[in-house]
Amino acid sequence: MKPETPSAWLVAPVLPVVVVDDPEAALFVAGAFQEAGLLQIEITLRTPASLAALEAVARRFPAMKVAAGTVLEPSQVAAVRDAGATMCVSPGFTDALAHAMRECAMPWVPGVATAGEVMRACQAGYSLLKFFPAMAAGGPPSLQAIAGALRPARNGDLDFIPTGGVTLANMISWKALGCVAAVGGTWLARDSLVVSRAQASIVAATREALACWNAPA
């Protein structure tokens, strides 16, 4: 099954990446995003509570699209699907993961950092890719060079979600490339904001990011 295109899954130009230690924290963050008008979230599989957190958000917020992030093992794919995730995101690409995603009919955004990795993912049928770690991999100039070389051959059917070092300060530089479907990052719900339950701060940061992206050039 071919993964969904950005227009099919993404409903906003910002995909917040969330790391939580318990389901209640995930519900708090998801609630803040929903209040801010952002109906998509990536919950990473980085803590023992991640799967339960993903399931809790999917149940409490049926209008919100929930992606499972940091999916590394084929065995995780069916588990996150059954928990309510409707897309998976990984820091890299492996044939075993690609096979598992197809077996579970799960849309997937594999990670890439080089032209060779992009070519391999494209050959496997993927057109929405995570550029990771975005700033460490060269930032906007690096992605511009890669996309400039490879997008024309695909008639523009190749988009990216830069993640890793993306902030409010640099997100417009990513938008300007013309090949970025959304930016990903943890800055909207930093650990300190989640621990202190600073809902107003998360809502304000989310609205600011959306307004920044949507502002006229």
N, C-alpha and C. Protein backbone atom coordinates (compact mmCIF):
# COMPACT_ATOMS: atom_id res chain seq x y z
N MET A 1 0.85 -1.20 0.00
CA MET A 1 0.00 0.00 0.00
C MET A 1 0.88 1.24 0.00
N LYS A 2 0.61 2.16 -0.89
CA LYS A 2 1.39 3.39 -0.94
C LYS A 2 1.02 4.29 0.24
N PRO A 3 2.01 4.85 0.92
CA PRO A 3 1.72 5.72 2.06
C PRO A 3 0.89 6.92 1.65
N GLU A 4 0.16 7.46 2.61
CA GLU A 4 -0.63 8.64 2.33
C GLU A 4 0.28 9.81 1.96
N THR A 5 -0.23 10.68 1.13
CA THR A 5 0.50 11.88 0.78
C THR A 5 0.31 12.91 1.88
N PRO A 6 1.11 13.98 1.87
CA PRO A 6 0.93 15.01 2.89
C PRO A 6 -0.50 15.54 2.96
N SER A 7 -1.15 15.71 1.83
CA SER A 7 -2.51 16.23 1.83
C SER A 7 -3.50 15.25 2.42
N ALA A 8 -3.15 13.97 2.43
CA ALA A 8 -4.07 12.96 2.95
C ALA A 8 -3.96 12.80 4.46
N TRP A 9 -2.76 12.96 5.00
CA TRP A 9 -2.61 12.78 6.47
C TRP A 9 -2.39 14.11 7.17
N LEU A 10 -1.44 14.89 6.73
CA LEU A 10 -1.13 16.15 7.40
C LEU A 10 -2.29 17.13 7.28
N VAL A 11 -2.66 17.72 8.40
CA VAL A 11 -3.72 18.72 8.39
C VAL A 11 -3.20 20.09 8.82
N ALA A 12 -1.89 20.18 9.08
CA ALA A 12 -1.28 21.44 9.49
C ALA A 12 0.20 21.40 9.12
N PRO A 13 0.84 22.56 9.02
CA PRO A 13 2.25 22.61 8.63
C PRO A 13 3.22 22.37 9.77
N VAL A 14 2.70 22.05 10.95
CA VAL A 14 3.54 21.76 12.10
C VAL A 14 3.14 20.41 12.68
N LEU A 15 4.11 19.52 12.83
CA LEU A 15 3.87 18.22 13.45
C LEU A 15 4.64 18.16 14.76
N PRO A 16 3.98 18.43 15.88
CA PRO A 16 4.69 18.45 17.16
C PRO A 16 5.12 17.06 17.59
N VAL A 17 6.36 16.97 18.03
CA VAL A 17 6.94 15.71 18.49
C VAL A 17 6.91 15.72 20.01
N VAL A 18 6.27 14.71 20.59
CA VAL A 18 6.03 14.71 22.03
C VAL A 18 6.66 13.48 22.68
N VAL A 19 7.37 13.71 23.77
CA VAL A 19 7.95 12.64 24.58
C VAL A 19 7.32 12.73 25.96
N VAL A 20 6.62 11.70 26.39
CA VAL A 20 5.94 11.74 27.68
C VAL A 20 6.24 10.49 28.50
N ASP A 21 6.12 10.64 29.82
CA ASP A 21 6.39 9.54 30.74
C ASP A 21 5.13 8.87 31.25
N ASP A 22 3.96 9.44 30.94
CA ASP A 22 2.71 8.85 31.39
C ASP A 22 1.56 9.33 30.52
N PRO A 23 0.48 8.58 30.45
CA PRO A 23 -0.65 8.94 29.60
C PRO A 23 -1.28 10.27 29.95
N GLU A 24 -1.32 10.63 31.24
CA GLU A 24 -1.94 11.90 31.63
C GLU A 24 -1.20 13.08 31.03
N ALA A 25 0.13 12.98 30.96
CA ALA A 25 0.91 14.05 30.36
C ALA A 25 0.57 14.17 28.87
N ALA A 26 0.40 13.04 28.21
CA ALA A 26 0.05 13.05 26.80
C ALA A 26 -1.32 13.67 26.58
N LEU A 27 -2.26 13.35 27.43
CA LEU A 27 -3.60 13.91 27.31
C LEU A 27 -3.58 15.42 27.53
N PHE A 28 -2.76 15.86 28.49
CA PHE A 28 -2.63 17.30 28.74
C PHE A 28 -2.09 18.01 27.50
N VAL A 29 -1.03 17.48 26.92
CA VAL A 29 -0.43 18.12 25.75
C VAL A 29 -1.38 18.11 24.57
N ALA A 30 -2.02 16.98 24.32
CA ALA A 30 -2.96 16.89 23.20
C ALA A 30 -4.11 17.88 23.38
N GLY A 31 -4.57 18.04 24.61
CA GLY A 31 -5.64 18.99 24.88
C GLY A 31 -5.21 20.42 24.59
N ALA A 32 -3.97 20.74 24.93
CA ALA A 32 -3.45 22.08 24.65
C ALA A 32 -3.34 22.31 23.15
N PHE A 33 -2.88 21.31 22.42
CA PHE A 33 -2.79 21.45 20.96
C PHE A 33 -4.17 21.64 20.35
N GLN A 34 -5.13 20.87 20.82
CA GLN A 34 -6.48 20.99 20.28
C GLN A 34 -7.04 22.38 20.56
N GLU A 35 -6.80 22.90 21.76
CA GLU A 35 -7.27 24.25 22.08
C GLU A 35 -6.64 25.28 21.15
N ALA A 36 -5.40 25.05 20.74
CA ALA A 36 -4.70 25.97 19.86
C ALA A 36 -5.09 25.79 18.40
N GLY A 37 -5.87 24.76 18.10
CA GLY A 37 -6.31 24.52 16.73
C GLY A 37 -5.41 23.60 15.93
N LEU A 38 -4.55 22.85 16.63
CA LEU A 38 -3.64 21.91 15.96
C LEU A 38 -4.12 20.50 16.22
N LEU A 39 -4.53 19.81 15.16
CA LEU A 39 -5.15 18.50 15.31
C LEU A 39 -4.27 17.38 14.78
N GLN A 40 -2.98 17.44 15.09
CA GLN A 40 -2.08 16.33 14.77
C GLN A 40 -0.95 16.32 15.79
N ILE A 41 -0.48 15.12 16.10
CA ILE A 41 0.54 14.97 17.12
C ILE A 41 1.35 13.71 16.81
N GLU A 42 2.64 13.78 17.09
CA GLU A 42 3.51 12.60 17.00
C GLU A 42 3.97 12.25 18.41
N ILE A 43 3.59 11.08 18.87
CA ILE A 43 4.00 10.60 20.19
C ILE A 43 5.10 9.57 19.99
N THR A 44 6.28 9.87 20.49
CA THR A 44 7.43 9.01 20.24
C THR A 44 7.45 7.80 21.16
N LEU A 45 7.99 6.71 20.65
CA LEU A 45 8.11 5.48 21.44
C LEU A 45 9.46 5.48 22.17
N ARG A 46 9.64 6.45 23.05
CA ARG A 46 10.92 6.60 23.74
C ARG A 46 10.85 6.30 25.23
N THR A 47 9.65 6.05 25.75
CA THR A 47 9.50 5.74 27.17
C THR A 47 8.60 4.52 27.32
N PRO A 48 8.65 3.85 28.48
CA PRO A 48 7.80 2.68 28.69
C PRO A 48 6.31 2.99 28.60
N ALA A 49 5.94 4.25 28.82
CA ALA A 49 4.52 4.62 28.81
C ALA A 49 4.04 5.09 27.45
N SER A 50 4.91 5.08 26.45
CA SER A 50 4.57 5.68 25.16
C SER A 50 3.34 5.05 24.51
N LEU A 51 3.28 3.73 24.50
CA LEU A 51 2.17 3.06 23.82
C LEU A 51 0.85 3.37 24.52
N ALA A 52 0.85 3.34 25.85
CA ALA A 52 -0.36 3.66 26.60
C ALA A 52 -0.74 5.12 26.38
N ALA A 53 0.24 6.00 26.27
CA ALA A 53 -0.03 7.41 26.04
C ALA A 53 -0.66 7.62 24.67
N LEU A 54 -0.13 6.94 23.68
CA LEU A 54 -0.67 7.03 22.32
C LEU A 54 -2.12 6.56 22.30
N GLU A 55 -2.38 5.44 22.94
CA GLU A 55 -3.74 4.90 22.96
C GLU A 55 -4.71 5.85 23.68
N ALA A 56 -4.25 6.45 24.77
CA ALA A 56 -5.10 7.37 25.53
C ALA A 56 -5.49 8.58 24.70
N VAL A 57 -4.53 9.13 23.97
CA VAL A 57 -4.81 10.30 23.14
C VAL A 57 -5.75 9.94 22.00
N ALA A 58 -5.52 8.80 21.35
CA ALA A 58 -6.38 8.39 20.24
C ALA A 58 -7.82 8.20 20.70
N ARG A 59 -8.01 7.72 21.92
CA ARG A 59 -9.36 7.51 22.42
C ARG A 59 -10.02 8.81 22.87
N ARG A 60 -9.26 9.66 23.57
CA ARG A 60 -9.84 10.89 24.12
C ARG A 60 -10.09 11.95 23.05
N PHE A 61 -9.23 11.97 22.03
CA PHE A 61 -9.33 13.02 21.01
C PHE A 61 -9.50 12.39 19.62
N PRO A 62 -10.70 11.90 19.32
CA PRO A 62 -10.92 11.20 18.05
C PRO A 62 -10.71 12.08 16.82
N ALA A 63 -10.79 13.40 16.97
CA ALA A 63 -10.60 14.29 15.82
C ALA A 63 -9.12 14.55 15.54
N MET A 64 -8.26 14.12 16.45
CA MET A 64 -6.83 14.40 16.30
C MET A 64 -6.13 13.24 15.61
N LYS A 65 -5.30 13.58 14.62
CA LYS A 65 -4.49 12.55 13.97
C LYS A 65 -3.28 12.26 14.84
N VAL A 66 -3.07 10.98 15.12
CA VAL A 66 -2.01 10.56 16.03
C VAL A 66 -1.00 9.70 15.28
N ALA A 67 0.23 10.16 15.26
CA ALA A 67 1.32 9.40 14.65
C ALA A 67 2.20 8.81 15.75
N ALA A 68 2.72 7.63 15.50
CA ALA A 68 3.70 7.02 16.41
C ALA A 68 5.09 7.36 15.89
N GLY A 69 5.90 7.97 16.73
CA GLY A 69 7.24 8.36 16.32
C GLY A 69 8.30 7.44 16.87
N THR A 70 9.50 7.53 16.33
CA THR A 70 10.64 6.70 16.74
C THR A 70 10.30 5.22 16.64
N VAL A 71 9.60 4.85 15.58
CA VAL A 71 9.30 3.43 15.35
C VAL A 71 10.55 2.80 14.74
N LEU A 72 11.13 1.85 15.46
CA LEU A 72 12.42 1.28 15.08
C LEU A 72 12.35 -0.19 14.70
N GLU A 73 11.38 -0.91 15.25
CA GLU A 73 11.30 -2.36 15.07
C GLU A 73 10.01 -2.76 14.36
N PRO A 74 10.08 -3.75 13.48
CA PRO A 74 8.86 -4.22 12.80
C PRO A 74 7.75 -4.62 13.76
N SER A 75 8.12 -5.18 14.90
CA SER A 75 7.11 -5.62 15.86
C SER A 75 6.30 -4.47 16.45
N GLN A 76 6.82 -3.26 16.36
CA GLN A 76 6.11 -2.11 16.92
C GLN A 76 4.96 -1.64 16.03
N VAL A 77 5.00 -1.99 14.77
CA VAL A 77 4.04 -1.42 13.82
C VAL A 77 2.61 -1.86 14.13
N ALA A 78 2.39 -3.14 14.29
CA ALA A 78 1.04 -3.62 14.59
C ALA A 78 0.58 -3.11 15.95
N ALA A 79 1.52 -2.99 16.89
CA ALA A 79 1.16 -2.53 18.23
C ALA A 79 0.65 -1.09 18.21
N VAL A 80 1.33 -0.21 17.47
CA VAL A 80 0.88 1.19 17.45
C VAL A 80 -0.39 1.34 16.62
N ARG A 81 -0.52 0.53 15.58
CA ARG A 81 -1.76 0.55 14.80
C ARG A 81 -2.95 0.17 15.68
N ASP A 82 -2.78 -0.90 16.45
CA ASP A 82 -3.86 -1.36 17.31
C ASP A 82 -4.16 -0.36 18.43
N ALA A 83 -3.15 0.44 18.80
CA ALA A 83 -3.35 1.45 19.84
C ALA A 83 -4.04 2.70 19.32
N GLY A 84 -4.12 2.84 18.00
CA GLY A 84 -4.83 3.98 17.45
C GLY A 84 -4.02 4.90 16.57
N ALA A 85 -2.73 4.62 16.39
CA ALA A 85 -1.92 5.45 15.50
C ALA A 85 -2.37 5.25 14.07
N THR A 86 -2.34 6.33 13.29
CA THR A 86 -2.73 6.25 11.89
C THR A 86 -1.56 6.55 10.96
N MET A 87 -0.39 6.74 11.53
CA MET A 87 0.84 6.90 10.74
C MET A 87 2.02 6.61 11.64
N CYS A 88 3.10 6.14 11.05
CA CYS A 88 4.34 5.91 11.78
C CYS A 88 5.43 6.82 11.23
N VAL A 89 6.34 7.21 12.10
CA VAL A 89 7.48 8.04 11.73
C VAL A 89 8.73 7.40 12.31
N SER A 90 9.79 7.33 11.51
CA SER A 90 11.04 6.71 11.96
C SER A 90 12.22 7.63 11.65
N PRO A 91 13.31 7.49 12.40
CA PRO A 91 14.49 8.31 12.13
C PRO A 91 15.29 7.85 10.92
N GLY A 92 14.98 6.65 10.43
CA GLY A 92 15.70 6.11 9.29
C GLY A 92 14.82 5.16 8.50
N PHE A 93 15.45 4.43 7.56
CA PHE A 93 14.72 3.52 6.68
C PHE A 93 15.38 2.16 6.73
N THR A 94 14.57 1.09 6.88
CA THR A 94 15.08 -0.27 6.73
C THR A 94 14.07 -1.06 5.90
N ASP A 95 14.56 -2.07 5.21
CA ASP A 95 13.67 -2.91 4.41
C ASP A 95 12.68 -3.65 5.30
N ALA A 96 13.14 -4.07 6.49
CA ALA A 96 12.27 -4.80 7.41
C ALA A 96 11.11 -3.93 7.87
N LEU A 97 11.40 -2.67 8.16
CA LEU A 97 10.33 -1.76 8.56
C LEU A 97 9.37 -1.50 7.41
N ALA A 98 9.91 -1.30 6.22
CA ALA A 98 9.05 -1.06 5.06
C ALA A 98 8.11 -2.24 4.85
N HIS A 99 8.62 -3.45 5.01
CA HIS A 99 7.79 -4.65 4.86
C HIS A 99 6.69 -4.68 5.91
N ALA A 100 7.04 -4.37 7.16
CA ALA A 100 6.05 -4.38 8.24
C ALA A 100 4.97 -3.34 8.01
N MET A 101 5.36 -2.16 7.52
CA MET A 101 4.38 -1.11 7.26
C MET A 101 3.39 -1.55 6.19
N ARG A 102 3.88 -2.21 5.16
CA ARG A 102 2.99 -2.67 4.10
C ARG A 102 2.09 -3.79 4.60
N GLU A 103 2.63 -4.67 5.39
CA GLU A 103 1.83 -5.76 5.95
C GLU A 103 0.68 -5.23 6.79
N CYS A 104 0.93 -4.14 7.50
CA CYS A 104 -0.09 -3.55 8.37
C CYS A 104 -0.86 -2.41 7.70
N ALA A 105 -0.56 -2.16 6.41
CA ALA A 105 -1.21 -1.07 5.67
C ALA A 105 -1.09 0.24 6.43
N MET A 106 0.10 0.49 6.96
CA MET A 106 0.34 1.67 7.78
C MET A 106 1.12 2.74 7.01
N PRO A 107 0.56 3.93 6.83
CA PRO A 107 1.34 5.02 6.25
C PRO A 107 2.60 5.26 7.08
N TRP A 108 3.70 5.57 6.40
CA TRP A 108 4.98 5.67 7.08
C TRP A 108 5.79 6.83 6.52
N VAL A 109 6.42 7.56 7.42
CA VAL A 109 7.36 8.60 7.04
C VAL A 109 8.74 8.17 7.52
N PRO A 110 9.53 7.55 6.64
CA PRO A 110 10.87 7.12 7.04
C PRO A 110 11.84 8.30 7.05
N GLY A 111 12.88 8.17 7.86
CA GLY A 111 13.86 9.24 7.97
C GLY A 111 14.97 9.12 6.94
N VAL A 112 15.46 10.28 6.49
CA VAL A 112 16.56 10.34 5.53
C VAL A 112 17.45 11.52 5.89
N ALA A 113 18.71 11.44 5.51
CA ALA A 113 19.63 12.54 5.76
C ALA A 113 20.55 12.81 4.58
N THR A 114 20.55 11.91 3.60
CA THR A 114 21.43 12.07 2.44
C THR A 114 20.66 11.81 1.15
N ALA A 115 21.26 12.19 0.03
CA ALA A 115 20.62 11.95 -1.27
C ALA A 115 20.43 10.47 -1.52
N GLY A 116 21.42 9.66 -1.14
CA GLY A 116 21.31 8.22 -1.34
C GLY A 116 20.15 7.63 -0.55
N GLU A 117 19.95 8.10 0.69
CA GLU A 117 18.84 7.60 1.50
C GLU A 117 17.50 8.02 0.92
N VAL A 118 17.43 9.24 0.39
CA VAL A 118 16.20 9.70 -0.26
C VAL A 118 15.90 8.83 -1.47
N MET A 119 16.91 8.54 -2.29
CA MET A 119 16.71 7.71 -3.47
C MET A 119 16.20 6.33 -3.10
N ARG A 120 16.76 5.77 -2.05
CA ARG A 120 16.34 4.43 -1.63
C ARG A 120 14.89 4.44 -1.17
N ALA A 121 14.52 5.45 -0.39
CA ALA A 121 13.14 5.54 0.09
C ALA A 121 12.18 5.76 -1.07
N CYS A 122 12.58 6.59 -2.03
CA CYS A 122 11.73 6.83 -3.21
C CYS A 122 11.54 5.55 -4.01
N GLN A 123 12.60 4.79 -4.18
CA GLN A 123 12.51 3.54 -4.94
C GLN A 123 11.58 2.54 -4.25
N ALA A 124 11.45 2.67 -2.93
CA ALA A 124 10.55 1.79 -2.19
C ALA A 124 9.12 2.29 -2.21
N GLY A 125 8.89 3.45 -2.81
CA GLY A 125 7.53 3.94 -2.97
C GLY A 125 7.11 5.05 -2.04
N TYR A 126 8.08 5.65 -1.33
CA TYR A 126 7.74 6.68 -0.35
C TYR A 126 8.03 8.08 -0.89
N SER A 127 7.09 8.99 -0.68
CA SER A 127 7.25 10.34 -1.21
C SER A 127 7.17 11.42 -0.14
N LEU A 128 6.86 11.05 1.08
CA LEU A 128 6.88 11.96 2.22
C LEU A 128 7.92 11.44 3.19
N LEU A 129 9.00 12.19 3.37
CA LEU A 129 10.14 11.71 4.13
C LEU A 129 10.50 12.66 5.27
N LYS A 130 11.00 12.10 6.34
CA LYS A 130 11.47 12.89 7.48
C LYS A 130 12.94 13.23 7.25
N PHE A 131 13.26 14.51 7.14
CA PHE A 131 14.66 14.93 7.01
C PHE A 131 15.21 15.09 8.42
N PHE A 132 16.08 14.14 8.82
CA PHE A 132 16.52 14.04 10.22
C PHE A 132 17.97 13.57 10.31
N PRO A 133 18.75 14.13 11.22
CA PRO A 133 18.47 15.29 12.07
C PRO A 133 18.65 16.58 11.27
N ALA A 134 17.60 17.35 11.13
CA ALA A 134 17.53 18.41 10.14
C ALA A 134 18.68 19.41 10.19
N MET A 135 18.94 19.99 11.34
CA MET A 135 20.00 20.99 11.40
C MET A 135 21.38 20.34 11.38
N ALA A 136 21.55 19.24 12.07
CA ALA A 136 22.84 18.55 12.08
C ALA A 136 23.19 17.99 10.71
N ALA A 137 22.17 17.71 9.89
CA ALA A 137 22.41 17.18 8.54
C ALA A 137 22.68 18.28 7.52
N GLY A 138 22.78 19.51 7.97
CA GLY A 138 23.13 20.60 7.06
C GLY A 138 22.10 21.70 6.95
N GLY A 139 20.95 21.53 7.62
CA GLY A 139 19.94 22.57 7.62
C GLY A 139 19.30 22.79 6.27
N PRO A 140 18.60 23.91 6.09
CA PRO A 140 17.91 24.20 4.83
C PRO A 140 18.79 24.12 3.59
N PRO A 141 20.05 24.59 3.62
CA PRO A 141 20.86 24.50 2.39
C PRO A 141 21.07 23.06 1.94
N SER A 142 21.23 22.14 2.89
CA SER A 142 21.45 20.74 2.54
C SER A 142 20.19 20.14 1.91
N LEU A 143 19.05 20.39 2.52
CA LEU A 143 17.81 19.85 1.95
C LEU A 143 17.51 20.49 0.60
N GLN A 144 17.81 21.76 0.45
CA GLN A 144 17.60 22.43 -0.83
C GLN A 144 18.40 21.76 -1.94
N ALA A 145 19.65 21.40 -1.64
CA ALA A 145 20.49 20.75 -2.63
C ALA A 145 19.97 19.37 -2.99
N ILE A 146 19.56 18.62 -1.98
CA ILE A 146 19.05 17.26 -2.22
C ILE A 146 17.75 17.31 -3.02
N ALA A 147 16.83 18.16 -2.58
CA ALA A 147 15.54 18.26 -3.26
C ALA A 147 15.71 18.79 -4.68
N GLY A 148 16.62 19.74 -4.84
CA GLY A 148 16.84 20.30 -6.18
C GLY A 148 17.34 19.27 -7.16
N ALA A 149 18.10 18.28 -6.66
CA ALA A 149 18.63 17.25 -7.54
C ALA A 149 17.61 16.14 -7.82
N LEU A 150 16.74 15.85 -6.86
CA LEU A 150 15.89 14.67 -6.98
C LEU A 150 14.42 14.94 -7.28
N ARG A 151 13.90 16.09 -6.88
CA ARG A 151 12.48 16.36 -7.09
C ARG A 151 12.08 16.46 -8.56
N PRO A 152 12.90 17.09 -9.42
CA PRO A 152 12.47 17.22 -10.82
C PRO A 152 12.18 15.88 -11.50
N ALA A 153 12.95 14.87 -11.16
CA ALA A 153 12.74 13.55 -11.78
C ALA A 153 11.43 12.92 -11.33
N ARG A 154 10.88 13.41 -10.23
CA ARG A 154 9.62 12.88 -9.71
C ARG A 154 8.47 13.87 -9.94
N ASN A 155 8.71 14.86 -10.80
CA ASN A 155 7.69 15.87 -11.09
C ASN A 155 7.17 16.53 -9.82
N GLY A 156 8.09 16.73 -8.89
CA GLY A 156 7.74 17.41 -7.65
C GLY A 156 7.08 16.54 -6.61
N ASP A 157 6.89 15.26 -6.90
CA ASP A 157 6.21 14.35 -5.96
C ASP A 157 7.21 13.84 -4.93
N LEU A 158 7.68 14.75 -4.11
CA LEU A 158 8.64 14.41 -3.06
C LEU A 158 8.63 15.55 -2.05
N ASP A 159 8.21 15.25 -0.82
CA ASP A 159 8.11 16.26 0.22
C ASP A 159 8.79 15.79 1.50
N PHE A 160 9.09 16.75 2.36
CA PHE A 160 9.87 16.44 3.56
C PHE A 160 9.24 17.05 4.80
N ILE A 161 9.55 16.41 5.93
CA ILE A 161 9.23 16.96 7.25
C ILE A 161 10.55 17.09 8.00
N PRO A 162 11.21 18.24 7.94
CA PRO A 162 12.45 18.43 8.68
C PRO A 162 12.18 18.36 10.19
N THR A 163 13.00 17.60 10.88
CA THR A 163 12.86 17.44 12.33
C THR A 163 14.25 17.32 12.94
N GLY A 164 14.43 18.00 14.05
CA GLY A 164 15.73 17.97 14.72
C GLY A 164 16.40 19.32 14.64
N GLY A 165 16.18 20.15 15.66
CA GLY A 165 16.75 21.49 15.65
C GLY A 165 15.86 22.52 15.01
N VAL A 166 14.67 22.13 14.57
CA VAL A 166 13.74 23.08 13.98
C VAL A 166 13.09 23.89 15.10
N THR A 167 13.00 25.21 14.93
CA THR A 167 12.41 26.10 15.92
C THR A 167 11.57 27.16 15.23
N LEU A 168 10.91 27.97 16.03
CA LEU A 168 10.15 29.08 15.48
C LEU A 168 11.06 30.01 14.70
N ALA A 169 12.30 30.16 15.16
CA ALA A 169 13.23 31.10 14.53
C ALA A 169 13.64 30.68 13.13
N ASN A 170 13.66 29.38 12.85
CA ASN A 170 14.15 28.96 11.53
C ASN A 170 13.09 28.28 10.66
N MET A 171 11.86 28.15 11.15
CA MET A 171 10.88 27.38 10.40
C MET A 171 10.55 28.03 9.05
N ILE A 172 10.61 29.36 8.96
CA ILE A 172 10.30 30.00 7.68
C ILE A 172 11.38 29.71 6.65
N SER A 173 12.61 29.50 7.10
CA SER A 173 13.68 29.12 6.17
C SER A 173 13.39 27.76 5.55
N TRP A 174 12.77 26.89 6.32
CA TRP A 174 12.38 25.58 5.79
C TRP A 174 11.21 25.74 4.82
N LYS A 175 10.23 26.54 5.18
CA LYS A 175 9.07 26.75 4.32
C LYS A 175 9.50 27.28 2.95
N ALA A 176 10.48 28.17 2.96
CA ALA A 176 10.90 28.83 1.73
C ALA A 176 11.47 27.86 0.70
N LEU A 177 11.84 26.65 1.12
CA LEU A 177 12.41 25.69 0.18
C LEU A 177 11.39 25.19 -0.82
N GLY A 178 10.12 25.20 -0.45
CA GLY A 178 9.09 24.75 -1.37
C GLY A 178 8.89 23.25 -1.42
N CYS A 179 9.65 22.50 -0.65
CA CYS A 179 9.51 21.05 -0.64
C CYS A 179 9.18 20.53 0.75
N VAL A 180 8.85 21.43 1.65
CA VAL A 180 8.58 21.05 3.03
C VAL A 180 7.07 21.05 3.28
N ALA A 181 6.54 19.88 3.58
CA ALA A 181 5.11 19.74 3.83
C ALA A 181 4.75 20.19 5.24
N ALA A 182 5.69 20.02 6.16
CA ALA A 182 5.49 20.42 7.56
C ALA A 182 6.85 20.37 8.24
N VAL A 183 6.94 21.05 9.37
CA VAL A 183 8.14 20.95 10.20
C VAL A 183 7.78 20.20 11.47
N GLY A 184 8.73 19.42 11.98
CA GLY A 184 8.50 18.68 13.20
C GLY A 184 9.43 19.17 14.30
N GLY A 185 9.01 19.01 15.53
CA GLY A 185 9.89 19.42 16.60
C GLY A 185 9.24 19.33 17.97
N THR A 186 10.08 19.44 18.98
CA THR A 186 9.62 19.31 20.37
C THR A 186 9.44 20.66 21.05
N TRP A 187 9.76 21.75 20.36
CA TRP A 187 9.78 23.04 21.05
C TRP A 187 8.40 23.51 21.50
N LEU A 188 7.36 23.03 20.88
CA LEU A 188 6.02 23.48 21.26
C LEU A 188 5.61 22.95 22.63
N ALA A 189 6.12 21.80 23.01
CA ALA A 189 5.75 21.20 24.31
C ALA A 189 7.02 20.67 24.98
N ARG A 190 7.90 21.60 25.33
CA ARG A 190 9.14 21.22 26.00
C ARG A 190 8.84 20.54 27.33
N ASP A 191 9.79 19.72 27.79
CA ASP A 191 9.59 18.98 29.04
C ASP A 191 9.17 19.88 30.19
N SER A 192 9.80 21.04 30.29
CA SER A 192 9.50 21.93 31.41
C SER A 192 8.05 22.42 31.37
N LEU A 193 7.53 22.65 30.18
CA LEU A 193 6.15 23.09 30.04
C LEU A 193 5.17 21.98 30.37
N VAL A 194 5.53 20.75 30.02
CA VAL A 194 4.66 19.62 30.32
C VAL A 194 4.64 19.33 31.81
N VAL A 195 5.82 19.31 32.43
CA VAL A 195 5.92 19.02 33.87
C VAL A 195 5.15 20.06 34.69
N SER A 196 5.26 21.32 34.29
CA SER A 196 4.59 22.39 35.04
C SER A 196 3.14 22.59 34.61
N ARG A 197 2.71 21.79 33.62
CA ARG A 197 1.34 21.89 33.09
C ARG A 197 1.04 23.33 32.64
N ALA A 198 1.97 23.90 31.92
CA ALA A 198 1.85 25.28 31.44
C ALA A 198 1.02 25.30 30.16
N GLN A 199 -0.26 25.06 30.30
CA GLN A 199 -1.13 24.95 29.14
C GLN A 199 -1.15 26.22 28.31
N ALA A 200 -1.27 27.37 28.97
CA ALA A 200 -1.35 28.63 28.24
C ALA A 200 -0.10 28.86 27.39
N SER A 201 1.06 28.45 27.91
CA SER A 201 2.30 28.63 27.17
C SER A 201 2.35 27.75 25.94
N ILE A 202 1.88 26.51 26.06
CA ILE A 202 1.86 25.60 24.92
C ILE A 202 0.87 26.08 23.87
N VAL A 203 -0.29 26.52 24.31
CA VAL A 203 -1.29 27.03 23.37
C VAL A 203 -0.74 28.25 22.63
N ALA A 204 -0.11 29.16 23.37
CA ALA A 204 0.43 30.37 22.75
C ALA A 204 1.53 30.04 21.76
N ALA A 205 2.43 29.12 22.13
CA ALA A 205 3.53 28.74 21.25
C ALA A 205 3.02 28.07 19.98
N THR A 206 2.00 27.26 20.13
CA THR A 206 1.42 26.56 18.97
C THR A 206 0.76 27.54 18.02
N ARG A 207 -0.02 28.45 18.57
CA ARG A 207 -0.68 29.45 17.72
C ARG A 207 0.34 30.35 17.04
N GLU A 208 1.41 30.68 17.74
CA GLU A 208 2.45 31.52 17.16
C GLU A 208 3.13 30.81 15.99
N ALA A 209 3.39 29.51 16.15
CA ALA A 209 4.03 28.75 15.08
C ALA A 209 3.14 28.67 13.85
N LEU A 210 1.86 28.40 14.05
CA LEU A 210 0.93 28.31 12.93
C LEU A 210 0.79 29.66 12.23
N ALA A 211 0.72 30.72 13.01
CA ALA A 211 0.59 32.06 12.42
C ALA A 211 1.85 32.44 11.66
N CYS A 212 3.00 32.06 12.19
CA CYS A 212 4.28 32.36 11.54
C CYS A 212 4.34 31.67 10.18
N TRP A 213 3.96 30.43 10.11
CA TRP A 213 4.00 29.68 8.85
C TRP A 213 3.02 30.27 7.84
N ASN A 214 1.85 30.63 8.32
CA ASN A 214 0.78 31.08 7.43
C ASN A 214 0.85 32.55 7.06
N ALA A 215 1.77 33.28 7.67
CA ALA A 215 1.90 34.71 7.37
C ALA A 215 2.37 34.91 5.94
N PRO A 216 1.89 35.95 5.26
CA PRO A 216 2.33 36.22 3.88
C PRO A 216 3.83 36.42 3.83
N ALA A 217 4.44 35.98 2.76
CA ALA A 217 5.90 36.10 2.61
C ALA A 217 6.29 37.56 2.42
